[in-house]
């Protein structure tokens, strides 16, 4: 298995690895020990991906709030 996901691993790379882990587990060809290791790795990757998605969602909220405030402020200025 690959190293734990971290700042050096991109969301896309983690998602690709997670998809491979799921495919390996779904194949039913892994021995018990490998299945347990794959499950653990999948849980780590899932947590990493969720965290990255949450971070991105928060950044979008901040950007939208700033944009909406800017638009509202410029709309108010045009009323004068």
C-alpha atoms as a PDB file:
ATOM      1  CA  UNK A   1       0.000   0.000   0.000  1.00  0.00           C
ATOM      2  CA  UNK A   2       1.042   3.594  -0.558  1.00  0.00           C
ATOM      3  CA  UNK A   3       2.030   6.068   2.129  1.00  0.00           C
ATOM      4  CA  UNK A   4      -0.575   7.887   4.170  1.00  0.00           C
ATOM      5  CA  UNK A   5      -2.205  10.748   2.302  1.00  0.00           C
ATOM      6  CA  UNK A   6      -0.733  14.090   3.194  1.00  0.00           C
ATOM      7  CA  UNK A   7      -0.114  17.539   1.835  1.00  0.00           C
ATOM      8  CA  UNK A   8       2.088  16.082  -0.895  1.00  0.00           C
ATOM      9  CA  UNK A   9      -0.738  13.873  -2.221  1.00  0.00           C
ATOM     10  CA  UNK A  10      -3.401  15.568  -4.267  1.00  0.00           C
ATOM     11  CA  UNK A  11      -7.110  14.982  -3.844  1.00  0.00           C
ATOM     12  CA  UNK A  12      -7.210  13.437  -7.311  1.00  0.00           C
ATOM     13  CA  UNK A  13      -4.392  10.992  -6.520  1.00  0.00           C
ATOM     14  CA  UNK A  14      -6.052   9.987  -3.239  1.00  0.00           C
ATOM     15  CA  UNK A  15      -9.398   9.502  -4.979  1.00  0.00           C
ATOM     16  CA  UNK A  16      -7.796   7.358  -7.685  1.00  0.00           C
ATOM     17  CA  UNK A  17      -6.082   5.233  -5.043  1.00  0.00           C
ATOM     18  CA  UNK A  18      -9.353   4.925  -3.098  1.00  0.00           C
ATOM     19  CA  UNK A  19     -11.139   3.748  -6.233  1.00  0.00           C
ATOM     20  CA  UNK A  20      -8.432   1.113  -6.753  1.00  0.00           C
ATOM     21  CA  UNK A  21      -8.682  -0.044  -3.131  1.00  0.00           C
ATOM     22  CA  UNK A  22     -12.454  -0.429  -3.505  1.00  0.00           C
ATOM     23  CA  UNK A  23     -12.062  -2.338  -6.768  1.00  0.00           C
ATOM     24  CA  UNK A  24      -9.494  -4.671  -5.172  1.00  0.00           C
ATOM     25  CA  UNK A  25     -11.791  -5.336  -2.227  1.00  0.00           C
ATOM     26  CA  UNK A  26     -14.842  -5.856  -4.433  1.00  0.00           C
ATOM     27  CA  UNK A  27     -12.966  -8.422  -6.506  1.00  0.00           C
ATOM     28  CA  UNK A  28     -13.104 -10.804  -3.559  1.00  0.00           C
ATOM     29  CA  UNK A  29      -9.624 -12.102  -4.359  1.00  0.00           C
ATOM     30  CA  UNK A  30      -7.784 -10.538  -1.415  1.00  0.00           C
ATOM     31  CA  UNK A  31      -6.775 -12.720   1.534  1.00  0.00           C
ATOM     32  CA  UNK A  32      -8.230 -11.681   4.896  1.00  0.00           C
ATOM     33  CA  UNK A  33      -5.118  -9.823   6.061  1.00  0.00           C
ATOM     34  CA  UNK A  34      -4.900  -7.895   2.787  1.00  0.00           C
ATOM     35  CA  UNK A  35      -8.623  -7.100   2.969  1.00  0.00           C
ATOM     36  CA  UNK A  36      -8.178  -5.651   6.457  1.00  0.00           C
ATOM     37  CA  UNK A  37      -5.187  -3.592   5.318  1.00  0.00           C
ATOM     38  CA  UNK A  38      -7.133  -2.397   2.272  1.00  0.00           C
ATOM     39  CA  UNK A  39     -10.091  -1.440   4.466  1.00  0.00           C
ATOM     40  CA  UNK A  40      -7.818   0.547   6.782  1.00  0.00           C
ATOM     41  CA  UNK A  41      -6.148   2.288   3.843  1.00  0.00           C
ATOM     42  CA  UNK A  42      -9.537   3.022   2.290  1.00  0.00           C
ATOM     43  CA  UNK A  43     -10.734   4.591   5.547  1.00  0.00           C
ATOM     44  CA  UNK A  44      -7.611   6.793   5.660  1.00  0.00           C
ATOM     45  CA  UNK A  45      -8.104   7.868   2.046  1.00  0.00           C
ATOM     46  CA  UNK A  46     -11.810   8.535   2.579  1.00  0.00           C
ATOM     47  CA  UNK A  47     -11.050  10.712   5.595  1.00  0.00           C
ATOM     48  CA  UNK A  48      -8.397  12.615   3.622  1.00  0.00           C
ATOM     49  CA  UNK A  49     -10.721  13.175   0.654  1.00  0.00           C
ATOM     50  CA  UNK A  50     -13.589  14.324   2.876  1.00  0.00           C
ATOM     51  CA  UNK A  51     -11.265  16.741   4.644  1.00  0.00           C
ATOM     52  CA  UNK A  52     -10.052  18.189   1.340  1.00  0.00           C
ATOM     53  CA  UNK A  53     -13.644  18.533   0.084  1.00  0.00           C
ATOM     54  CA  UNK A  54     -14.689  20.250   3.324  1.00  0.00           C
ATOM     55  CA  UNK A  55     -11.756  22.669   2.970  1.00  0.00           C
ATOM     56  CA  UNK A  56     -12.697  23.434  -0.634  1.00  0.00           C
ATOM     57  CA  UNK A  57     -16.345  23.937   0.313  1.00  0.00           C
ATOM     58  CA  UNK A  58     -15.338  26.376   3.058  1.00  0.00           C
ATOM     59  CA  UNK A  59     -13.156  28.321   0.606  1.00  0.00           C
ATOM     60  CA  UNK A  60     -16.072  28.533  -1.838  1.00  0.00           C
ATOM     61  CA  UNK A  61     -18.331  29.861   0.934  1.00  0.00           C
ATOM     62  CA  UNK A  62     -15.779  32.538   1.809  1.00  0.00           C
ATOM     63  CA  UNK A  63     -15.402  33.515  -1.847  1.00  0.00           C
ATOM     64  CA  UNK A  64     -19.162  33.604  -2.398  1.00  0.00           C
ATOM     65  CA  UNK A  65     -19.712  35.726   0.697  1.00  0.00           C
ATOM     66  CA  UNK A  66     -17.061  38.187  -0.445  1.00  0.00           C
ATOM     67  CA  UNK A  67     -18.484  38.316  -3.966  1.00  0.00           C
ATOM     68  CA  UNK A  68     -22.048  38.719  -2.756  1.00  0.00           C
ATOM     69  CA  UNK A  69     -21.028  41.517  -0.400  1.00  0.00           C
ATOM     70  CA  UNK A  70     -19.107  43.254  -3.195  1.00  0.00           C
ATOM     71  CA  UNK A  71     -22.068  42.986  -5.559  1.00  0.00           C
ATOM     72  CA  UNK A  72     -24.490  44.242  -2.925  1.00  0.00           C
ATOM     73  CA  UNK A  73     -22.209  47.164  -2.098  1.00  0.00           C
ATOM     74  CA  UNK A  74     -21.776  48.130  -5.759  1.00  0.00           C
ATOM     75  CA  UNK A  75     -25.558  47.781  -6.299  1.00  0.00           C
ATOM     76  CA  UNK A  76     -26.191  50.164  -3.397  1.00  0.00           C
ATOM     77  CA  UNK A  77     -23.689  52.656  -4.843  1.00  0.00           C
ATOM     78  CA  UNK A  78     -25.541  52.701  -8.176  1.00  0.00           C
ATOM     79  CA  UNK A  79     -28.789  53.765  -6.431  1.00  0.00           C
ATOM     80  CA  UNK A  80     -27.363  57.217  -5.606  1.00  0.00           C
END
